[in-house]
Amino acid sequence: MIYRYLALLYFLFTFSLYAQIDKDELDKLNVEALLIKELTTGEVIYSKEALKEVKPASLTKIMTAILALEQGNLNRPITITTEMTTVEPTKAGYKEGEIISLEDLIKATMIKSDNDAAMAVAIAIGGDLNTFVEMMNIKAKQIGMNNTTFTNPCGFDIGEHHSTPMDLLHLAEYAIQNPLFNDITRQNQHTYYSLNTNRKFVAKTHNYLLNRYEYAVGVKTGYTSKAGPCLIARAKKEGNDCLIVMLNAKENRWIIAQQIFEQVFLLPVIEYWRDV
């Protein structure tokens, strides 16, 4: 009898929760692709173009970061080379010969999305860029990203660099199993110094949810002219844990993400995104 009662409570809870997701309104959003997953139950509660080939932009850096974190030895000093610095547009501004710890490079990669930091991570971990890209693609297949090809660690639209929303969901779900990854992606800012010149660097997040939405806990933003504004966002409240994958949003992605989270968490809408 107790099991039937618990099953009924579970059904009523999930019904009341997901009944709040207005799928008709979500269908009208001007976004190329959108996935919403409630991690507590493991249910994908909304899906639009889940298998469509898309440009992942800097969402790619999730793979770059997690490969580096899994290698360990995060205090390892990395000497910056010319190859690491010849990238655009977002950069920390390292100079050849400066020495930065691997952990600081990972944080700069994820928090500010610095491309020179991502290149430095890739070359340091792989030994060379091509080897690291091979590592990215091997890892992608291992975690079920069967429709993804990486050509670089930054997310540049180079060659066949592509993924799908579902593959990016797999990537995010894999990465958030790593506690240090989660600690990094919830940070608004990270200040660090070159180990040999003591030059100061400040990595500030592009994820405005972390600044303005109290339940946000990560994960990564992205943008290129071909990919458009992209976002993988996660929020947690009172046992609920929700993950959103949004590609090529032609509407304000911060408003969209917050409204989705509030539908899942049954919270009132707070409007404070008009200026970002």
C-alpha atoms as a PDB file:
ATOM      1  CA  MET A   1       0.000   0.000   0.000  1.00  0.00           C
ATOM      2  CA  ILE A   2       2.805   2.369   0.906  1.00  0.00           C
ATOM      3  CA  TYR A   3       4.407   1.839  -2.497  1.00  0.00           C
ATOM      4  CA  ARG A   4       1.188   2.744  -4.290  1.00  0.00           C
ATOM      5  CA  TYR A   5       0.915   5.880  -2.169  1.00  0.00           C
ATOM      6  CA  LEU A   6       4.478   6.902  -2.948  1.00  0.00           C
ATOM      7  CA  ALA A   7       3.952   6.210  -6.636  1.00  0.00           C
ATOM      8  CA  LEU A   8       0.842   8.388  -6.608  1.00  0.00           C
ATOM      9  CA  LEU A   9       2.723  11.212  -4.890  1.00  0.00           C
ATOM     10  CA  TYR A  10       5.522  10.942  -7.442  1.00  0.00           C
ATOM     11  CA  PHE A  11       3.034  11.049 -10.312  1.00  0.00           C
ATOM     12  CA  LEU A  12       1.248  14.078  -8.890  1.00  0.00           C
ATOM     13  CA  PHE A  13       4.530  15.853  -8.291  1.00  0.00           C
ATOM     14  CA  THR A  14       5.890  15.260 -11.770  1.00  0.00           C
ATOM     15  CA  PHE A  15       2.547  16.116 -13.343  1.00  0.00           C
ATOM     16  CA  SER A  16       2.289  19.402 -11.446  1.00  0.00           C
ATOM     17  CA  LEU A  17       5.894  20.219 -12.300  1.00  0.00           C
ATOM     18  CA  TYR A  18       5.894  19.487 -16.001  1.00  0.00           C
ATOM     19  CA  ALA A  19       2.370  20.772 -16.556  1.00  0.00           C
ATOM     20  CA  GLN A  20       3.935  24.193 -16.000  1.00  0.00           C
ATOM     21  CA  ILE A  21       6.155  23.839 -19.079  1.00  0.00           C
ATOM     22  CA  ASP A  22       4.309  25.709 -21.799  1.00  0.00           C
ATOM     23  CA  LYS A  23       5.486  23.783 -24.833  1.00  0.00           C
ATOM     24  CA  ASP A  24       3.369  25.812 -27.244  1.00  0.00           C
ATOM     25  CA  GLU A  25       5.102  28.997 -26.131  1.00  0.00           C
ATOM     26  CA  LEU A  26       8.510  27.330 -26.238  1.00  0.00           C
ATOM     27  CA  ASP A  27       7.800  26.260 -29.819  1.00  0.00           C
ATOM     28  CA  LYS A  28       7.356  29.944 -30.712  1.00  0.00           C
ATOM     29  CA  LEU A  29      10.753  31.007 -29.402  1.00  0.00           C
ATOM     30  CA  ASN A  30      13.132  32.269 -32.064  1.00  0.00           C
ATOM     31  CA  VAL A  31      15.905  29.807 -31.277  1.00  0.00           C
ATOM     32  CA  GLU A  32      17.436  27.283 -33.634  1.00  0.00           C
ATOM     33  CA  ALA A  33      17.462  24.469 -31.095  1.00  0.00           C
ATOM     34  CA  LEU A  34      16.490  23.962 -27.466  1.00  0.00           C
ATOM     35  CA  LEU A  35      16.689  21.102 -24.972  1.00  0.00           C
ATOM     36  CA  ILE A  36      15.477  21.149 -21.374  1.00  0.00           C
ATOM     37  CA  LYS A  37      16.360  18.288 -19.043  1.00  0.00           C
ATOM     38  CA  GLU A  38      15.328  17.831 -15.417  1.00  0.00           C
ATOM     39  CA  LEU A  39      18.375  16.104 -14.027  1.00  0.00           C
ATOM     40  CA  THR A  40      16.676  14.945 -10.833  1.00  0.00           C
ATOM     41  CA  THR A  41      14.300  12.695 -12.769  1.00  0.00           C
ATOM     42  CA  GLY A  42      16.508  12.280 -15.832  1.00  0.00           C
ATOM     43  CA  GLU A  43      13.676  13.377 -18.112  1.00  0.00           C
ATOM     44  CA  VAL A  44      14.075  15.566 -21.197  1.00  0.00           C
ATOM     45  CA  ILE A  45      10.982  17.714 -20.757  1.00  0.00           C
ATOM     46  CA  TYR A  46      11.322  19.744 -23.958  1.00  0.00           C
ATOM     47  CA  SER A  47      13.144  19.127 -27.230  1.00  0.00           C
ATOM     48  CA  LYS A  48      13.444  21.174 -30.392  1.00  0.00           C
ATOM     49  CA  GLU A  49      15.837  20.100 -33.177  1.00  0.00           C
ATOM     50  CA  ALA A  50      17.773  17.846 -30.802  1.00  0.00           C
ATOM     51  CA  LEU A  51      19.667  16.107 -33.607  1.00  0.00           C
ATOM     52  CA  LYS A  52      20.220  19.078 -35.893  1.00  0.00           C
ATOM     53  CA  GLU A  53      23.817  19.781 -36.916  1.00  0.00           C
ATOM     54  CA  VAL A  54      24.868  23.042 -35.267  1.00  0.00           C
ATOM     55  CA  LYS A  55      27.971  25.131 -34.649  1.00  0.00           C
ATOM     56  CA  PRO A  56      28.812  24.810 -30.936  1.00  0.00           C
ATOM     57  CA  ALA A  57      30.972  27.963 -30.678  1.00  0.00           C
ATOM     58  CA  SER A  58      32.638  28.267 -27.252  1.00  0.00           C
ATOM     59  CA  LEU A  59      30.475  25.514 -25.789  1.00  0.00           C
ATOM     60  CA  THR A  60      33.367  23.510 -27.258  1.00  0.00           C
ATOM     61  CA  LYS A  61      35.510  24.704 -24.365  1.00  0.00           C
ATOM     62  CA  ILE A  62      33.611  22.411 -22.006  1.00  0.00           C
ATOM     63  CA  MET A  63      35.410  19.524 -23.692  1.00  0.00           C
ATOM     64  CA  THR A  64      38.728  21.380 -23.593  1.00  0.00           C
ATOM     65  CA  ALA A  65      38.362  22.043 -19.875  1.00  0.00           C
ATOM     66  CA  ILE A  66      37.175  18.603 -18.821  1.00  0.00           C
ATOM     67  CA  LEU A  67      40.035  16.870 -20.646  1.00  0.00           C
ATOM     68  CA  ALA A  68      42.500  19.099 -18.812  1.00  0.00           C
ATOM     69  CA  LEU A  69      40.817  18.580 -15.442  1.00  0.00           C
ATOM     70  CA  GLU A  70      40.898  14.820 -15.870  1.00  0.00           C
ATOM     71  CA  GLN A  71      44.631  14.944 -16.617  1.00  0.00           C
ATOM     72  CA  GLY A  72      45.248  16.363 -13.159  1.00  0.00           C
ATOM     73  CA  ASN A  73      48.476  18.086 -12.062  1.00  0.00           C
ATOM     74  CA  LEU A  74      46.652  21.417 -12.134  1.00  0.00           C
ATOM     75  CA  ASN A  75      49.529  23.284 -10.469  1.00  0.00           C
ATOM     76  CA  ARG A  76      51.679  22.510 -13.493  1.00  0.00           C
ATOM     77  CA  PRO A  77      53.339  25.666 -14.893  1.00  0.00           C
ATOM     78  CA  ILE A  78      52.690  26.283 -18.592  1.00  0.00           C
ATOM     79  CA  THR A  79      55.055  28.463 -20.606  1.00  0.00           C
ATOM     80  CA  ILE A  80      53.172  30.544 -23.159  1.00  0.00           C
ATOM     81  CA  THR A  81      54.306  30.153 -26.780  1.00  0.00           C
ATOM     82  CA  THR A  82      53.567  32.220 -29.873  1.00  0.00           C
ATOM     83  CA  GLU A  83      51.208  29.523 -31.190  1.00  0.00           C
ATOM     84  CA  MET A  84      49.100  29.831 -28.050  1.00  0.00           C
ATOM     85  CA  THR A  85      48.615  33.576 -28.504  1.00  0.00           C
ATOM     86  CA  THR A  86      47.794  33.801 -32.218  1.00  0.00           C
ATOM     87  CA  VAL A  87      44.024  33.579 -31.780  1.00  0.00           C
ATOM     88  CA  GLU A  88      41.124  36.026 -31.799  1.00  0.00           C
ATOM     89  CA  PRO A  89      38.885  37.575 -30.600  1.00  0.00           C
ATOM     90  CA  THR A  90      38.562  37.033 -26.826  1.00  0.00           C
ATOM     91  CA  LYS A  91      41.984  36.842 -25.218  1.00  0.00           C
ATOM     92  CA  ALA A  92      43.605  37.168 -21.829  1.00  0.00           C
ATOM     93  CA  GLY A  93      46.570  38.820 -23.559  1.00  0.00           C
ATOM     94  CA  TYR A  94      49.402  36.509 -22.553  1.00  0.00           C
ATOM     95  CA  LYS A  95      52.912  37.278 -23.761  1.00  0.00           C
ATOM     96  CA  GLU A  96      55.334  34.713 -25.111  1.00  0.00           C
ATOM     97  CA  GLY A  97      57.468  33.364 -22.272  1.00  0.00           C
ATOM     98  CA  GLU A  98      54.987  34.105 -19.508  1.00  0.00           C
ATOM     99  CA  ILE A  99      54.258  31.190 -17.208  1.00  0.00           C
ATOM    100  CA  ILE A 100      50.676  30.488 -16.114  1.00  0.00           C
ATOM    101  CA  SER A 101      49.467  27.576 -14.013  1.00  0.00           C
ATOM    102  CA  LEU A 102      47.295  25.022 -15.788  1.00  0.00           C
ATOM    103  CA  GLU A 103      44.468  25.593 -13.309  1.00  0.00           C
ATOM    104  CA  ASP A 104      44.425  29.319 -14.036  1.00  0.00           C
ATOM    105  CA  LEU A 105      44.366  28.620 -17.773  1.00  0.00           C
ATOM    106  CA  ILE A 106      41.404  26.271 -17.340  1.00  0.00           C
ATOM    107  CA  LYS A 107      39.544  28.890 -15.323  1.00  0.00           C
ATOM    108  CA  ALA A 108      40.262  31.582 -17.916  1.00  0.00           C
ATOM    109  CA  THR A 109      39.032  29.189 -20.601  1.00  0.00           C
ATOM    110  CA  MET A 110      35.721  28.543 -18.881  1.00  0.00           C
ATOM    111  CA  ILE A 111      34.958  31.788 -17.043  1.00  0.00           C
ATOM    112  CA  LYS A 112      35.962  34.445 -19.587  1.00  0.00           C
ATOM    113  CA  SER A 113      36.223  32.088 -22.562  1.00  0.00           C
ATOM    114  CA  ASP A 114      39.714  33.310 -23.426  1.00  0.00           C
ATOM    115  CA  ASN A 115      40.852  31.679 -26.634  1.00  0.00           C
ATOM    116  CA  ASP A 116      44.553  32.027 -25.861  1.00  0.00           C
ATOM    117  CA  ALA A 117      43.931  30.219 -22.581  1.00  0.00           C
ATOM    118  CA  ALA A 118      42.089  27.417 -24.389  1.00  0.00           C
ATOM    119  CA  MET A 119      44.920  27.092 -26.908  1.00  0.00           C
ATOM    120  CA  ALA A 120      47.467  26.979 -24.099  1.00  0.00           C
ATOM    121  CA  VAL A 121      45.484  24.248 -22.328  1.00  0.00           C
ATOM    122  CA  ALA A 122      45.206  22.228 -25.530  1.00  0.00           C
ATOM    123  CA  ILE A 123      48.875  22.393 -26.468  1.00  0.00           C
ATOM    124  CA  ALA A 124      49.992  21.746 -22.898  1.00  0.00           C
ATOM    125  CA  ILE A 125      47.774  18.677 -22.519  1.00  0.00           C
ATOM    126  CA  GLY A 126      48.125  17.263 -26.021  1.00  0.00           C
ATOM    127  CA  GLY A 127      51.745  18.180 -26.646  1.00  0.00           C
ATOM    128  CA  ASP A 128      50.553  19.750 -29.868  1.00  0.00           C
ATOM    129  CA  LEU A 129      47.253  21.041 -31.200  1.00  0.00           C
ATOM    130  CA  ASN A 130      46.478  18.150 -33.555  1.00  0.00           C
ATOM    131  CA  THR A 131      46.980  15.558 -30.826  1.00  0.00           C
ATOM    132  CA  PHE A 132      44.659  17.414 -28.483  1.00  0.00           C
ATOM    133  CA  VAL A 133      41.952  17.640 -31.148  1.00  0.00           C
ATOM    134  CA  GLU A 134      42.268  13.870 -31.585  1.00  0.00           C
ATOM    135  CA  MET A 135      41.807  13.515 -27.827  1.00  0.00           C
ATOM    136  CA  MET A 136      38.677  15.662 -28.012  1.00  0.00           C
ATOM    137  CA  ASN A 137      37.127  13.501 -30.706  1.00  0.00           C
ATOM    138  CA  ILE A 138      38.021  10.255 -28.950  1.00  0.00           C
ATOM    139  CA  LYS A 139      36.460  11.512 -25.738  1.00  0.00           C
ATOM    140  CA  ALA A 140      33.386  12.688 -27.622  1.00  0.00           C
ATOM    141  CA  LYS A 141      32.732   9.179 -28.904  1.00  0.00           C
ATOM    142  CA  GLN A 142      33.346   7.676 -25.464  1.00  0.00           C
ATOM    143  CA  ILE A 143      30.615   9.791 -23.874  1.00  0.00           C
ATOM    144  CA  GLY A 144      28.059   9.297 -26.638  1.00  0.00           C
ATOM    145  CA  MET A 145      28.661  12.377 -28.787  1.00  0.00           C
ATOM    146  CA  ASN A 146      28.280  10.365 -31.968  1.00  0.00           C
ATOM    147  CA  ASN A 147      27.348  13.268 -34.228  1.00  0.00           C
ATOM    148  CA  THR A 148      30.141  15.643 -33.238  1.00  0.00           C
ATOM    149  CA  THR A 149      33.434  16.536 -34.860  1.00  0.00           C
ATOM    150  CA  PHE A 150      35.905  18.902 -33.193  1.00  0.00           C
ATOM    151  CA  THR A 151      38.589  20.659 -35.220  1.00  0.00           C
ATOM    152  CA  ASN A 152      39.876  23.037 -32.534  1.00  0.00           C
ATOM    153  CA  PRO A 153      39.721  23.569 -28.753  1.00  0.00           C
ATOM    154  CA  CYS A 154      38.180  27.053 -28.856  1.00  0.00           C
ATOM    155  CA  GLY A 155      34.997  26.643 -30.887  1.00  0.00           C
ATOM    156  CA  PHE A 156      36.053  28.427 -34.064  1.00  0.00           C
ATOM    157  CA  ASP A 157      33.974  27.624 -37.148  1.00  0.00           C
ATOM    158  CA  ILE A 158      36.879  25.873 -38.846  1.00  0.00           C
ATOM    159  CA  GLY A 159      36.338  23.001 -41.269  1.00  0.00           C
ATOM    160  CA  GLU A 160      33.856  20.369 -40.075  1.00  0.00           C
ATOM    161  CA  HIS A 161      33.641  21.649 -36.508  1.00  0.00           C
ATOM    162  CA  HIS A 162      30.068  20.791 -35.539  1.00  0.00           C
ATOM    163  CA  SER A 163      27.844  19.090 -32.993  1.00  0.00           C
ATOM    164  CA  THR A 164      24.164  18.592 -32.151  1.00  0.00           C
ATOM    165  CA  PRO A 165      22.115  19.861 -29.196  1.00  0.00           C
ATOM    166  CA  MET A 166      21.764  16.300 -27.889  1.00  0.00           C
ATOM    167  CA  ASP A 167      25.500  15.710 -28.092  1.00  0.00           C
ATOM    168  CA  LEU A 168      26.119  18.973 -26.237  1.00  0.00           C
ATOM    169  CA  LEU A 169      23.679  17.828 -23.575  1.00  0.00           C
ATOM    170  CA  HIS A 170      25.704  14.621 -23.223  1.00  0.00           C
ATOM    171  CA  LEU A 171      28.875  16.720 -22.898  1.00  0.00           C
ATOM    172  CA  ALA A 172      27.401  18.953 -20.214  1.00  0.00           C
ATOM    173  CA  GLU A 173      25.987  16.022 -18.254  1.00  0.00           C
ATOM    174  CA  TYR A 174      29.369  14.331 -18.343  1.00  0.00           C
ATOM    175  CA  ALA A 175      31.282  17.452 -17.312  1.00  0.00           C
ATOM    176  CA  ILE A 176      29.075  18.336 -14.346  1.00  0.00           C
ATOM    177  CA  GLN A 177      29.951  15.033 -12.733  1.00  0.00           C
ATOM    178  CA  ASN A 178      33.324  16.641 -11.989  1.00  0.00           C
ATOM    179  CA  PRO A 179      33.132  18.745  -8.775  1.00  0.00           C
ATOM    180  CA  LEU A 180      36.016  21.023  -9.770  1.00  0.00           C
ATOM    181  CA  PHE A 181      34.383  21.717 -13.128  1.00  0.00           C
ATOM    182  CA  ASN A 182      31.234  22.787 -11.281  1.00  0.00           C
ATOM    183  CA  ASP A 183      33.218  24.999  -8.926  1.00  0.00           C
ATOM    184  CA  ILE A 184      34.837  26.752 -11.872  1.00  0.00           C
ATOM    185  CA  THR A 185      31.717  27.286 -13.965  1.00  0.00           C
ATOM    186  CA  ARG A 186      29.755  28.928 -11.148  1.00  0.00           C
ATOM    187  CA  GLN A 187      32.418  31.627 -10.629  1.00  0.00           C
ATOM    188  CA  ASN A 188      31.693  35.187 -11.734  1.00  0.00           C
ATOM    189  CA  GLN A 189      35.338  36.190 -11.756  1.00  0.00           C
ATOM    190  CA  HIS A 190      38.820  34.803 -11.274  1.00  0.00           C
ATOM    191  CA  THR A 191      41.960  36.862 -10.561  1.00  0.00           C
ATOM    192  CA  TYR A 192      45.356  35.272 -11.142  1.00  0.00           C
ATOM    193  CA  TYR A 193      48.980  36.144 -11.861  1.00  0.00           C
ATOM    194  CA  SER A 194      51.752  35.095 -14.172  1.00  0.00           C
ATOM    195  CA  LEU A 195      54.148  32.929 -12.183  1.00  0.00           C
ATOM    196  CA  ASN A 196      57.317  34.562 -13.525  1.00  0.00           C
ATOM    197  CA  THR A 197      56.290  38.186 -14.156  1.00  0.00           C
ATOM    198  CA  ASN A 198      53.556  38.522 -11.512  1.00  0.00           C
ATOM    199  CA  ARG A 199      51.373  40.245 -14.119  1.00  0.00           C
ATOM    200  CA  LYS A 200      47.744  40.377 -13.039  1.00  0.00           C
ATOM    201  CA  PHE A 201      44.877  38.902 -15.073  1.00  0.00           C
ATOM    202  CA  VAL A 202      41.159  39.101 -14.380  1.00  0.00           C
ATOM    203  CA  ALA A 203      38.734  36.663 -16.015  1.00  0.00           C
ATOM    204  CA  LYS A 204      35.128  37.891 -15.803  1.00  0.00           C
ATOM    205  CA  THR A 205      32.232  35.699 -16.832  1.00  0.00           C
ATOM    206  CA  HIS A 206      30.029  36.258 -19.882  1.00  0.00           C
ATOM    207  CA  ASN A 207      27.293  34.199 -18.222  1.00  0.00           C
ATOM    208  CA  TYR A 208      24.986  36.918 -16.905  1.00  0.00           C
ATOM    209  CA  LEU A 209      22.769  34.345 -15.214  1.00  0.00           C
ATOM    210  CA  LEU A 210      25.483  33.929 -12.597  1.00  0.00           C
ATOM    211  CA  ASN A 211      25.321  37.633 -11.774  1.00  0.00           C
ATOM    212  CA  ARG A 212      21.564  38.038 -11.637  1.00  0.00           C
ATOM    213  CA  TYR A 213      19.776  34.735 -11.110  1.00  0.00           C
ATOM    214  CA  GLU A 214      20.349  33.267  -7.677  1.00  0.00           C
ATOM    215  CA  TYR A 215      19.739  29.633  -8.603  1.00  0.00           C
ATOM    216  CA  ALA A 216      22.169  29.558 -11.567  1.00  0.00           C
ATOM    217  CA  VAL A 217      25.200  27.301 -11.097  1.00  0.00           C
ATOM    218  CA  GLY A 218      26.869  27.357 -14.574  1.00  0.00           C
ATOM    219  CA  VAL A 219      27.671  26.226 -17.306  1.00  0.00           C
ATOM    220  CA  LYS A 220      28.959  28.002 -20.485  1.00  0.00           C
ATOM    221  CA  THR A 221      28.132  30.644 -23.078  1.00  0.00           C
ATOM    222  CA  GLY A 222      29.184  30.779 -26.704  1.00  0.00           C
ATOM    223  CA  TYR A 223      29.005  32.948 -29.796  1.00  0.00           C
ATOM    224  CA  THR A 224      30.291  33.081 -33.343  1.00  0.00           C
ATOM    225  CA  SER A 225      28.727  34.780 -36.353  1.00  0.00           C
ATOM    226  CA  LYS A 226      27.661  31.387 -37.716  1.00  0.00           C
ATOM    227  CA  ALA A 227      26.612  29.817 -34.406  1.00  0.00           C
ATOM    228  CA  GLY A 228      24.812  32.856 -33.025  1.00  0.00           C
ATOM    229  CA  PRO A 229      24.316  33.299 -29.273  1.00  0.00           C
ATOM    230  CA  CYS A 230      24.519  29.910 -27.539  1.00  0.00           C
ATOM    231  CA  LEU A 231      24.092  28.835 -23.937  1.00  0.00           C
ATOM    232  CA  ILE A 232      24.263  25.777 -21.769  1.00  0.00           C
ATOM    233  CA  ALA A 233      22.764  26.794 -18.427  1.00  0.00           C
ATOM    234  CA  ARG A 234      22.128  24.961 -15.197  1.00  0.00           C
ATOM    235  CA  ALA A 235      20.119  25.972 -12.145  1.00  0.00           C
ATOM    236  CA  LYS A 236      19.296  24.189  -8.892  1.00  0.00           C
ATOM    237  CA  LYS A 237      16.610  24.863  -6.305  1.00  0.00           C
ATOM    238  CA  GLU A 238      15.290  22.738  -3.457  1.00  0.00           C
ATOM    239  CA  GLY A 239      16.144  19.398  -5.003  1.00  0.00           C
ATOM    240  CA  ASN A 240      15.309  20.384  -8.556  1.00  0.00           C
ATOM    241  CA  ASP A 241      18.211  20.414 -10.995  1.00  0.00           C
ATOM    242  CA  CYS A 242      17.612  21.685 -14.527  1.00  0.00           C
ATOM    243  CA  LEU A 243      19.901  21.854 -17.557  1.00  0.00           C
ATOM    244  CA  ILE A 244      19.192  23.879 -20.705  1.00  0.00           C
ATOM    245  CA  VAL A 245      20.955  23.663 -24.071  1.00  0.00           C
ATOM    246  CA  MET A 246      20.124  26.610 -26.348  1.00  0.00           C
ATOM    247  CA  LEU A 247      21.590  27.217 -29.802  1.00  0.00           C
ATOM    248  CA  ASN A 248      21.445  30.318 -31.998  1.00  0.00           C
ATOM    249  CA  ALA A 249      19.059  32.324 -29.844  1.00  0.00           C
ATOM    250  CA  LYS A 250      17.681  35.325 -31.713  1.00  0.00           C
ATOM    251  CA  GLU A 251      15.892  36.453 -28.562  1.00  0.00           C
ATOM    252  CA  ASN A 252      17.401  37.403 -25.200  1.00  0.00           C
ATOM    253  CA  ARG A 253      18.852  34.095 -24.012  1.00  0.00           C
ATOM    254  CA  TRP A 254      18.995  35.258 -20.376  1.00  0.00           C
ATOM    255  CA  ILE A 255      15.262  35.978 -20.254  1.00  0.00           C
ATOM    256  CA  ILE A 256      14.495  32.696 -22.019  1.00  0.00           C
ATOM    257  CA  ALA A 257      16.670  30.673 -19.648  1.00  0.00           C
ATOM    258  CA  GLN A 258      15.303  32.305 -16.515  1.00  0.00           C
ATOM    259  CA  GLN A 259      11.701  31.862 -17.604  1.00  0.00           C
ATOM    260  CA  ILE A 260      12.334  28.191 -18.359  1.00  0.00           C
ATOM    261  CA  PHE A 261      13.941  27.620 -14.974  1.00  0.00           C
ATOM    262  CA  GLU A 262      11.054  29.365 -13.252  1.00  0.00           C
ATOM    263  CA  GLN A 263       8.540  27.175 -15.018  1.00  0.00           C
ATOM    264  CA  VAL A 264      10.447  24.137 -13.823  1.00  0.00           C
ATOM    265  CA  PHE A 265      10.883  25.501 -10.303  1.00  0.00           C
ATOM    266  CA  LEU A 266       7.369  27.041 -10.195  1.00  0.00           C
ATOM    267  CA  LEU A 267       8.706  30.502  -9.369  1.00  0.00           C
ATOM    268  CA  PRO A 268       7.359  33.944 -10.310  1.00  0.00           C
ATOM    269  CA  VAL A 269       9.088  35.691 -13.206  1.00  0.00           C
ATOM    270  CA  ILE A 270      11.589  38.417 -12.309  1.00  0.00           C
ATOM    271  CA  GLU A 271      12.268  40.893 -15.107  1.00  0.00           C
ATOM    272  CA  TYR A 272      15.763  42.333 -14.899  1.00  0.00           C
ATOM    273  CA  TRP A 273      17.457  41.357 -18.132  1.00  0.00           C
ATOM    274  CA  ARG A 274      16.535  44.232 -20.441  1.00  0.00           C
ATOM    275  CA  ASP A 275      19.978  45.825 -20.314  1.00  0.00           C
ATOM    276  CA  VAL A 276      22.089  42.767 -21.199  1.00  0.00           C
END
